[in-house]
Amino acid sequence: VNVKIKGMVQGVFYRNWTIDTAKQLGINGWVRNRMDGSVEAVFSGKTTAVDAMIQKCYSGPAAARVTGVEASAWNEPVHEGFERKSTK
């Protein structure tokens, strides 16, 4: 699943929170900042874990102020583990 998180989500450790939370849930994928100020992530794993991760994205870390979460299908391969990618 490809997820775009909007709001005050950069400069508040959102990517670090995403990595930690995804690893706790056993999710594979990646996360990165976007030039438009949003955060983008790809989550792959058990449906229940991915659904839980998407729900957690609505709150994120304490300093974040999420205004929207958009999830869509992701059809590209996802490597094992969870990583931070460069800003795009």
PDB file of N, CA and C in Angstrom:
ATOM      1  N   VAL A   1       0.846  -1.181   0.000  1.00  0.00           N
ATOM      2  CA  VAL A   1       0.000   0.000   0.000  1.00  0.00           C
ATOM      3  C   VAL A   1       0.886   1.237   0.000  1.00  0.00           C
ATOM      4  N   ASN A   2       0.589   2.190  -0.865  1.00  0.00           N
ATOM      5  CA  ASN A   2       1.285   3.475  -0.896  1.00  0.00           C
ATOM      6  C   ASN A   2       0.456   4.466  -0.089  1.00  0.00           C
ATOM      7  N   VAL A   3       1.106   5.174   0.832  1.00  0.00           N
ATOM      8  CA  VAL A   3       0.396   6.094   1.717  1.00  0.00           C
ATOM      9  C   VAL A   3       1.046   7.466   1.642  1.00  0.00           C
ATOM     10  N   LYS A   4       0.220   8.508   1.499  1.00  0.00           N
ATOM     11  CA  LYS A   4       0.704   9.886   1.546  1.00  0.00           C
ATOM     12  C   LYS A   4       0.071  10.550   2.759  1.00  0.00           C
ATOM     13  N   ILE A   5       0.919  11.124   3.621  1.00  0.00           N
ATOM     14  CA  ILE A   5       0.465  11.758   4.851  1.00  0.00           C
ATOM     15  C   ILE A   5       0.694  13.255   4.712  1.00  0.00           C
ATOM     16  N   LYS A   6      -0.367  14.034   4.922  1.00  0.00           N
ATOM     17  CA  LYS A   6      -0.293  15.487   4.757  1.00  0.00           C
ATOM     18  C   LYS A   6      -0.508  16.191   6.085  1.00  0.00           C
ATOM     19  N   GLY A   7      -0.047  17.432   6.149  1.00  0.00           N
ATOM     20  CA  GLY A   7      -0.170  18.240   7.355  1.00  0.00           C
ATOM     21  C   GLY A   7       1.204  18.676   7.815  1.00  0.00           C
ATOM     22  N   MET A   8       1.342  18.935   9.119  1.00  0.00           N
ATOM     23  CA  MET A   8       2.649  19.273   9.677  1.00  0.00           C
ATOM     24  C   MET A   8       3.338  17.955  10.026  1.00  0.00           C
ATOM     25  N   VAL A   9       4.001  17.377   9.022  1.00  0.00           N
ATOM     26  CA  VAL A   9       4.578  16.042   9.188  1.00  0.00           C
ATOM     27  C   VAL A   9       6.074  15.994   8.889  1.00  0.00           C
ATOM     28  N   GLN A  10       6.665  17.131   8.553  1.00  0.00           N
ATOM     29  CA  GLN A  10       8.115  17.180   8.376  1.00  0.00           C
ATOM     30  C   GLN A  10       8.713  18.007   9.503  1.00  0.00           C
ATOM     31  N   GLY A  11       9.897  17.602   9.966  1.00  0.00           N
ATOM     32  CA  GLY A  11      10.553  18.293  11.071  1.00  0.00           C
ATOM     33  C   GLY A  11       9.986  17.914  12.426  1.00  0.00           C
ATOM     34  N   VAL A  12       9.199  16.839  12.476  1.00  0.00           N
ATOM     35  CA  VAL A  12       8.581  16.392  13.738  1.00  0.00           C
ATOM     36  C   VAL A  12       8.879  14.910  14.001  1.00  0.00           C
ATOM     37  N   PHE A  13       9.915  14.390  13.349  1.00  0.00           N
ATOM     38  CA  PHE A  13      10.343  12.990  13.512  1.00  0.00           C
ATOM     39  C   PHE A  13       9.310  11.988  13.002  1.00  0.00           C
ATOM     40  N   TYR A  14       8.500  12.397  12.012  1.00  0.00           N
ATOM     41  CA  TYR A  14       7.479  11.487  11.477  1.00  0.00           C
ATOM     42  C   TYR A  14       8.117  10.261  10.824  1.00  0.00           C
ATOM     43  N   ARG A  15       9.204  10.465  10.072  1.00  0.00           N
ATOM     44  CA  ARG A  15       9.843   9.315   9.416  1.00  0.00           C
ATOM     45  C   ARG A  15      10.408   8.344  10.447  1.00  0.00           C
ATOM     46  N   ASN A  16      11.077   8.859  11.475  1.00  0.00           N
ATOM     47  CA  ASN A  16      11.618   7.981  12.525  1.00  0.00           C
ATOM     48  C   ASN A  16      10.497   7.206  13.204  1.00  0.00           C
ATOM     49  N   TRP A  17       9.399   7.896  13.506  1.00  0.00           N
ATOM     50  CA  TRP A  17       8.242   7.249  14.130  1.00  0.00           C
ATOM     51  C   TRP A  17       7.695   6.149  13.213  1.00  0.00           C
ATOM     52  N   THR A  18       7.615   6.444  11.907  1.00  0.00           N
ATOM     53  CA  THR A  18       7.106   5.465  10.950  1.00  0.00           C
ATOM     54  C   THR A  18       7.984   4.219  10.922  1.00  0.00           C
ATOM     55  N   ILE A  19       9.290   4.413  10.883  1.00  0.00           N
ATOM     56  CA  ILE A  19      10.220   3.278  10.863  1.00  0.00           C
ATOM     57  C   ILE A  19      10.048   2.429  12.118  1.00  0.00           C
ATOM     58  N   ASP A  20      10.041   3.064  13.279  1.00  0.00           N
ATOM     59  CA  ASP A  20       9.903   2.325  14.542  1.00  0.00           C
ATOM     60  C   ASP A  20       8.579   1.571  14.614  1.00  0.00           C
ATOM     61  N   THR A  21       7.490   2.242  14.240  1.00  0.00           N
ATOM     62  CA  THR A  21       6.161   1.640  14.320  1.00  0.00           C
ATOM     63  C   THR A  21       6.023   0.490  13.322  1.00  0.00           C
ATOM     64  N   ALA A  22       6.514   0.685  12.110  1.00  0.00           N
ATOM     65  CA  ALA A  22       6.445  -0.373  11.093  1.00  0.00           C
ATOM     66  C   ALA A  22       7.224  -1.608  11.542  1.00  0.00           C
ATOM     67  N   LYS A  23       8.394  -1.396  12.110  1.00  0.00           N
ATOM     68  CA  LYS A  23       9.194  -2.535  12.586  1.00  0.00           C
ATOM     69  C   LYS A  23       8.471  -3.269  13.715  1.00  0.00           C
ATOM     70  N   GLN A  24       7.825  -2.531  14.609  1.00  0.00           N
ATOM     71  CA  GLN A  24       7.074  -3.160  15.704  1.00  0.00           C
ATOM     72  C   GLN A  24       5.942  -4.030  15.168  1.00  0.00           C
ATOM     73  N   LEU A  25       5.335  -3.600  14.063  1.00  0.00           N
ATOM     74  CA  LEU A  25       4.211  -4.330  13.474  1.00  0.00           C
ATOM     75  C   LEU A  25       4.652  -5.397  12.471  1.00  0.00           C
ATOM     76  N   GLY A  26       5.945  -5.497  12.207  1.00  0.00           N
ATOM     77  CA  GLY A  26       6.448  -6.487  11.259  1.00  0.00           C
ATOM     78  C   GLY A  26       6.172  -6.143   9.809  1.00  0.00           C
ATOM     79  N   ILE A  27       6.146  -4.844   9.507  1.00  0.00           N
ATOM     80  CA  ILE A  27       5.832  -4.374   8.160  1.00  0.00           C
ATOM     81  C   ILE A  27       7.116  -4.087   7.388  1.00  0.00           C
ATOM     82  N   ASN A  28       7.135  -4.456   6.116  1.00  0.00           N
ATOM     83  CA  ASN A  28       8.229  -4.113   5.208  1.00  0.00           C
ATOM     84  C   ASN A  28       7.850  -2.856   4.443  1.00  0.00           C
ATOM     85  N   GLY A  29       8.864  -2.151   3.916  1.00  0.00           N
ATOM     86  CA  GLY A  29       8.593  -0.989   3.085  1.00  0.00           C
ATOM     87  C   GLY A  29       9.594   0.119   3.272  1.00  0.00           C
ATOM     88  N   TRP A  30       9.126   1.343   3.052  1.00  0.00           N
ATOM     89  CA  TRP A  30      10.004   2.504   3.149  1.00  0.00           C
ATOM     90  C   TRP A  30       9.195   3.766   3.434  1.00  0.00           C
ATOM     91  N   VAL A  31       9.920   4.840   3.793  1.00  0.00           N
ATOM     92  CA  VAL A  31       9.299   6.136   4.067  1.00  0.00           C
ATOM     93  C   VAL A  31      10.238   7.232   3.573  1.00  0.00           C
ATOM     94  N   ARG A  32       9.674   8.354   3.109  1.00  0.00           N
ATOM     95  CA  ARG A  32      10.486   9.498   2.688  1.00  0.00           C
ATOM     96  C   ARG A  32       9.675  10.783   2.778  1.00  0.00           C
ATOM     97  N   ASN A  33      10.392  11.894   2.899  1.00  0.00           N
ATOM     98  CA  ASN A  33       9.770  13.206   2.795  1.00  0.00           C
ATOM     99  C   ASN A  33       9.531  13.503   1.325  1.00  0.00           C
ATOM    100  N   ARG A  34       8.515  14.310   1.055  1.00  0.00           N
ATOM    101  CA  ARG A  34       8.233  14.777  -0.301  1.00  0.00           C
ATOM    102  C   ARG A  34       8.511  16.273  -0.352  1.00  0.00           C
ATOM    103  N   MET A  35       8.875  16.755  -1.524  1.00  0.00           N
ATOM    104  CA  MET A  35       9.179  18.178  -1.693  1.00  0.00           C
ATOM    105  C   MET A  35       7.968  19.059  -1.385  1.00  0.00           C
ATOM    106  N   ASP A  36       6.759  18.511  -1.494  1.00  0.00           N
ATOM    107  CA  ASP A  36       5.548  19.300  -1.234  1.00  0.00           C
ATOM    108  C   ASP A  36       5.214  19.409   0.257  1.00  0.00           C
ATOM    109  N   GLY A  37       6.076  18.857   1.130  1.00  0.00           N
ATOM    110  CA  GLY A  37       5.848  18.947   2.573  1.00  0.00           C
ATOM    111  C   GLY A  37       5.150  17.743   3.173  1.00  0.00           C
ATOM    112  N   SER A  38       4.754  16.795   2.333  1.00  0.00           N
ATOM    113  CA  SER A  38       4.096  15.590   2.835  1.00  0.00           C
ATOM    114  C   SER A  38       5.132  14.500   3.109  1.00  0.00           C
ATOM    115  N   VAL A  39       4.668  13.394   3.650  1.00  0.00           N
ATOM    116  CA  VAL A  39       5.488  12.206   3.843  1.00  0.00           C
ATOM    117  C   VAL A  39       4.833  11.088   3.046  1.00  0.00           C
ATOM    118  N   GLU A  40       5.650  10.312   2.346  1.00  0.00           N
ATOM    119  CA  GLU A  40       5.154   9.181   1.563  1.00  0.00           C
ATOM    120  C   GLU A  40       5.750   7.902   2.128  1.00  0.00           C
ATOM    121  N   ALA A  41       4.959   6.849   2.166  1.00  0.00           N
ATOM    122  CA  ALA A  41       5.445   5.560   2.654  1.00  0.00           C
ATOM    123  C   ALA A  41       4.805   4.432   1.865  1.00  0.00           C
ATOM    124  N   VAL A  42       5.490   3.300   1.864  1.00  0.00           N
ATOM    125  CA  VAL A  42       4.943   2.065   1.307  1.00  0.00           C
ATOM    126  C   VAL A  42       4.981   1.026   2.413  1.00  0.00           C
ATOM    127  N   PHE A  43       3.842   0.379   2.652  1.00  0.00           N
ATOM    128  CA  PHE A  43       3.717  -0.646   3.685  1.00  0.00           C
ATOM    129  C   PHE A  43       3.335  -1.969   3.034  1.00  0.00           C
ATOM    130  N   SER A  44       4.028  -3.036   3.418  1.00  0.00           N
ATOM    131  CA  SER A  44       3.739  -4.366   2.902  1.00  0.00           C
ATOM    132  C   SER A  44       3.827  -5.362   4.051  1.00  0.00           C
ATOM    133  N   GLY A  45       2.850  -6.245   4.132  1.00  0.00           N
ATOM    134  CA  GLY A  45       2.840  -7.249   5.189  1.00  0.00           C
ATOM    135  C   GLY A  45       1.444  -7.811   5.357  1.00  0.00           C
ATOM    136  N   LYS A  46       1.189  -8.388   6.527  1.00  0.00           N
ATOM    137  CA  LYS A  46      -0.136  -8.927   6.816  1.00  0.00           C
ATOM    138  C   LYS A  46      -1.162  -7.801   6.762  1.00  0.00           C
ATOM    139  N   THR A  47      -2.322  -8.108   6.201  1.00  0.00           N
ATOM    140  CA  THR A  47      -3.366  -7.101   6.036  1.00  0.00           C
ATOM    141  C   THR A  47      -3.713  -6.416   7.347  1.00  0.00           C
ATOM    142  N   THR A  48      -3.825  -7.172   8.428  1.00  0.00           N
ATOM    143  CA  THR A  48      -4.182  -6.566   9.717  1.00  0.00           C
ATOM    144  C   THR A  48      -3.107  -5.598  10.188  1.00  0.00           C
ATOM    145  N   ALA A  49      -1.837  -5.941   9.966  1.00  0.00           N
ATOM    146  CA  ALA A  49      -0.739  -5.064  10.377  1.00  0.00           C
ATOM    147  C   ALA A  49      -0.703  -3.799   9.526  1.00  0.00           C
ATOM    148  N   VAL A  50      -0.886  -3.948   8.216  1.00  0.00           N
ATOM    149  CA  VAL A  50      -0.882  -2.789   7.323  1.00  0.00           C
ATOM    150  C   VAL A  50      -2.053  -1.870   7.651  1.00  0.00           C
ATOM    151  N   ASP A  51      -3.234  -2.434   7.876  1.00  0.00           N
ATOM    152  CA  ASP A  51      -4.399  -1.621   8.248  1.00  0.00           C
ATOM    153  C   ASP A  51      -4.149  -0.873   9.551  1.00  0.00           C
ATOM    154  N   ALA A  52      -3.535  -1.540  10.528  1.00  0.00           N
ATOM    155  CA  ALA A  52      -3.223  -0.895  11.808  1.00  0.00           C
ATOM    156  C   ALA A  52      -2.231   0.241  11.603  1.00  0.00           C
ATOM    157  N   MET A  53      -1.242   0.037  10.740  1.00  0.00           N
ATOM    158  CA  MET A  53      -0.243   1.072  10.472  1.00  0.00           C
ATOM    159  C   MET A  53      -0.884   2.291   9.825  1.00  0.00           C
ATOM    160  N   ILE A  54      -1.765   2.059   8.864  1.00  0.00           N
ATOM    161  CA  ILE A  54      -2.453   3.180   8.216  1.00  0.00           C
ATOM    162  C   ILE A  54      -3.241   3.975   9.253  1.00  0.00           C
ATOM    163  N   GLN A  55      -3.942   3.298  10.144  1.00  0.00           N
ATOM    164  CA  GLN A  55      -4.704   3.992  11.188  1.00  0.00           C
ATOM    165  C   GLN A  55      -3.790   4.808  12.090  1.00  0.00           C
ATOM    166  N   LYS A  56      -2.631   4.258  12.433  1.00  0.00           N
ATOM    167  CA  LYS A  56      -1.680   4.969  13.290  1.00  0.00           C
ATOM    168  C   LYS A  56      -1.132   6.215  12.597  1.00  0.00           C
ATOM    169  N   CYS A  57      -1.074   6.202  11.264  1.00  0.00           N
ATOM    170  CA  CYS A  57      -0.562   7.352  10.513  1.00  0.00           C
ATOM    171  C   CYS A  57      -1.426   8.594  10.700  1.00  0.00           C
ATOM    172  N   TYR A  58      -2.688   8.413  11.053  1.00  0.00           N
ATOM    173  CA  TYR A  58      -3.569   9.562  11.271  1.00  0.00           C
ATOM    174  C   TYR A  58      -3.140  10.393  12.474  1.00  0.00           C
ATOM    175  N   SER A  59      -2.422   9.804  13.416  1.00  0.00           N
ATOM    176  CA  SER A  59      -1.936  10.562  14.573  1.00  0.00           C
ATOM    177  C   SER A  59      -0.437  10.791  14.486  1.00  0.00           C
ATOM    178  N   GLY A  60       0.339   9.758  14.169  1.00  0.00           N
ATOM    179  CA  GLY A  60       1.784   9.909  14.060  1.00  0.00           C
ATOM    180  C   GLY A  60       2.423  10.251  15.389  1.00  0.00           C
ATOM    181  N   PRO A  61       3.638  10.825  15.362  1.00  0.00           N
ATOM    182  CA  PRO A  61       4.310  11.204  16.603  1.00  0.00           C
ATOM    183  C   PRO A  61       3.620  12.403  17.250  1.00  0.00           C
ATOM    184  N   ALA A  62       3.935  12.645  18.502  1.00  0.00           N
ATOM    185  CA  ALA A  62       3.242  13.679  19.287  1.00  0.00           C
ATOM    186  C   ALA A  62       3.258  15.060  18.642  1.00  0.00           C
ATOM    187  N   ALA A  63       4.361  15.453  18.007  1.00  0.00           N
ATOM    188  CA  ALA A  63       4.478  16.806  17.453  1.00  0.00           C
ATOM    189  C   ALA A  63       3.800  16.966  16.092  1.00  0.00           C
ATOM    190  N   ALA A  64       3.401  15.879  15.470  1.00  0.00           N
ATOM    191  CA  ALA A  64       2.782  15.939  14.136  1.00  0.00           C
ATOM    192  C   ALA A  64       1.346  16.449  14.220  1.00  0.00           C
ATOM    193  N   ARG A  65       0.925  17.103  13.143  1.00  0.00           N
ATOM    194  CA  ARG A  65      -0.462  17.545  12.998  1.00  0.00           C
ATOM    195  C   ARG A  65      -0.937  17.063  11.631  1.00  0.00           C
ATOM    196  N   VAL A  66      -1.496  15.865  11.606  1.00  0.00           N
ATOM    197  CA  VAL A  66      -1.901  15.231  10.349  1.00  0.00           C
ATOM    198  C   VAL A  66      -3.251  15.783   9.908  1.00  0.00           C
ATOM    199  N   THR A  67      -3.316  16.207   8.633  1.00  0.00           N
ATOM    200  CA  THR A  67      -4.575  16.711   8.086  1.00  0.00           C
ATOM    201  C   THR A  67      -5.192  15.746   7.078  1.00  0.00           C
ATOM    202  N   GLY A  68      -4.416  14.759   6.636  1.00  0.00           N
ATOM    203  CA  GLY A  68      -4.961  13.800   5.682  1.00  0.00           C
ATOM    204  C   GLY A  68      -4.038  12.623   5.465  1.00  0.00           C
ATOM    205  N   VAL A  69      -4.637  11.471   5.202  1.00  0.00           N
ATOM    206  CA  VAL A  69      -3.900  10.251   4.874  1.00  0.00           C
ATOM    207  C   VAL A  69      -4.583   9.636   3.659  1.00  0.00           C
ATOM    208  N   GLU A  70      -3.825   9.451   2.579  1.00  0.00           N
ATOM    209  CA  GLU A  70      -4.359   8.854   1.357  1.00  0.00           C
ATOM    210  C   GLU A  70      -3.645   7.535   1.107  1.00  0.00           C
ATOM    211  N   ALA A  71      -4.386   6.452   0.980  1.00  0.00           N
ATOM    212  CA  ALA A  71      -3.799   5.136   0.716  1.00  0.00           C
ATOM    213  C   ALA A  71      -4.242   4.649  -0.658  1.00  0.00           C
ATOM    214  N   SER A  72      -3.303   4.066  -1.404  1.00  0.00           N
ATOM    215  CA  SER A  72      -3.618   3.518  -2.720  1.00  0.00           C
ATOM    216  C   SER A  72      -2.788   2.254  -2.951  1.00  0.00           C
ATOM    217  N   ALA A  73      -3.175   1.497  -3.950  1.00  0.00           N
ATOM    218  CA  ALA A  73      -2.486   0.237  -4.251  1.00  0.00           C
ATOM    219  C   ALA A  73      -1.046   0.499  -4.673  1.00  0.00           C
ATOM    220  N   TRP A  74      -0.165  -0.429  -4.331  1.00  0.00           N
ATOM    221  CA  TRP A  74       1.249  -0.374  -4.722  1.00  0.00           C
ATOM    222  C   TRP A  74       1.579  -1.714  -5.364  1.00  0.00           C
ATOM    223  N   ASN A  75       1.999  -1.687  -6.626  1.00  0.00           N
ATOM    224  CA  ASN A  75       2.214  -2.929  -7.360  1.00  0.00           C
ATOM    225  C   ASN A  75       3.678  -3.234  -7.646  1.00  0.00           C
ATOM    226  N   GLU A  76       4.591  -2.481  -7.045  1.00  0.00           N
ATOM    227  CA  GLU A  76       6.015  -2.729  -7.243  1.00  0.00           C
ATOM    228  C   GLU A  76       6.551  -3.599  -6.117  1.00  0.00           C
ATOM    229  N   PRO A  77       7.672  -4.291  -6.359  1.00  0.00           N
ATOM    230  CA  PRO A  77       8.245  -5.138  -5.303  1.00  0.00           C
ATOM    231  C   PRO A  77       8.659  -4.319  -4.080  1.00  0.00           C
ATOM    232  N   VAL A  78       8.534  -4.932  -2.911  1.00  0.00           N
ATOM    233  CA  VAL A  78       8.948  -4.302  -1.652  1.00  0.00           C
ATOM    234  C   VAL A  78       9.977  -5.217  -1.005  1.00  0.00           C
ATOM    235  N   HIS A  79      11.140  -4.645  -0.685  1.00  0.00           N
ATOM    236  CA  HIS A  79      12.209  -5.434  -0.068  1.00  0.00           C
ATOM    237  C   HIS A  79      11.910  -5.701   1.396  1.00  0.00           C
ATOM    238  N   GLU A  80      12.506  -6.747   1.929  1.00  0.00           N
ATOM    239  CA  GLU A  80      12.333  -7.080   3.340  1.00  0.00           C
ATOM    240  C   GLU A  80      12.993  -6.005   4.202  1.00  0.00           C
ATOM    241  N   GLY A  81      12.361  -5.689   5.317  1.00  0.00           N
ATOM    242  CA  GLY A  81      12.856  -4.647   6.213  1.00  0.00           C
ATOM    243  C   GLY A  81      12.145  -3.336   5.949  1.00  0.00           C
ATOM    244  N   PHE A  82      12.532  -2.309   6.693  1.00  0.00           N
ATOM    245  CA  PHE A  82      11.908  -0.998   6.519  1.00  0.00           C
ATOM    246  C   PHE A  82      13.005   0.048   6.482  1.00  0.00           C
ATOM    247  N   GLU A  83      12.978   0.925   5.456  1.00  0.00           N
ATOM    248  CA  GLU A  83      14.067   1.880   5.271  1.00  0.00           C
ATOM    249  C   GLU A  83      13.570   3.303   5.031  1.00  0.00           C
ATOM    250  N   ARG A  84      14.491   4.234   5.220  1.00  0.00           N
ATOM    251  CA  ARG A  84      14.256   5.643   4.911  1.00  0.00           C
ATOM    252  C   ARG A  84      14.838   5.896   3.527  1.00  0.00           C
ATOM    253  N   LYS A  85      14.045   6.517   2.655  1.00  0.00           N
ATOM    254  CA  LYS A  85      14.520   6.870   1.319  1.00  0.00           C
ATOM    255  C   LYS A  85      14.770   8.370   1.255  1.00  0.00           C
ATOM    256  N   SER A  86      15.503   8.780   0.228  1.00  0.00           N
ATOM    257  CA  SER A  86      15.797  10.196   0.017  1.00  0.00           C
ATOM    258  C   SER A  86      14.534  10.958  -0.359  1.00  0.00           C
ATOM    259  N   THR A  87      14.522  12.240  -0.026  1.00  0.00           N
ATOM    260  CA  THR A  87      13.402  13.122  -0.371  1.00  0.00           C
ATOM    261  C   THR A  87      13.205  13.132  -1.876  1.00  0.00           C
ATOM    262  N   LYS A  88      11.939  13.156  -2.286  1.00  0.00           N
ATOM    263  CA  LYS A  88      11.606  13.205  -3.717  1.00  0.00           C
ATOM    264  C   LYS A  88      10.631  14.323  -3.975  1.00  0.00           C
TER     265      LYS A  88
END
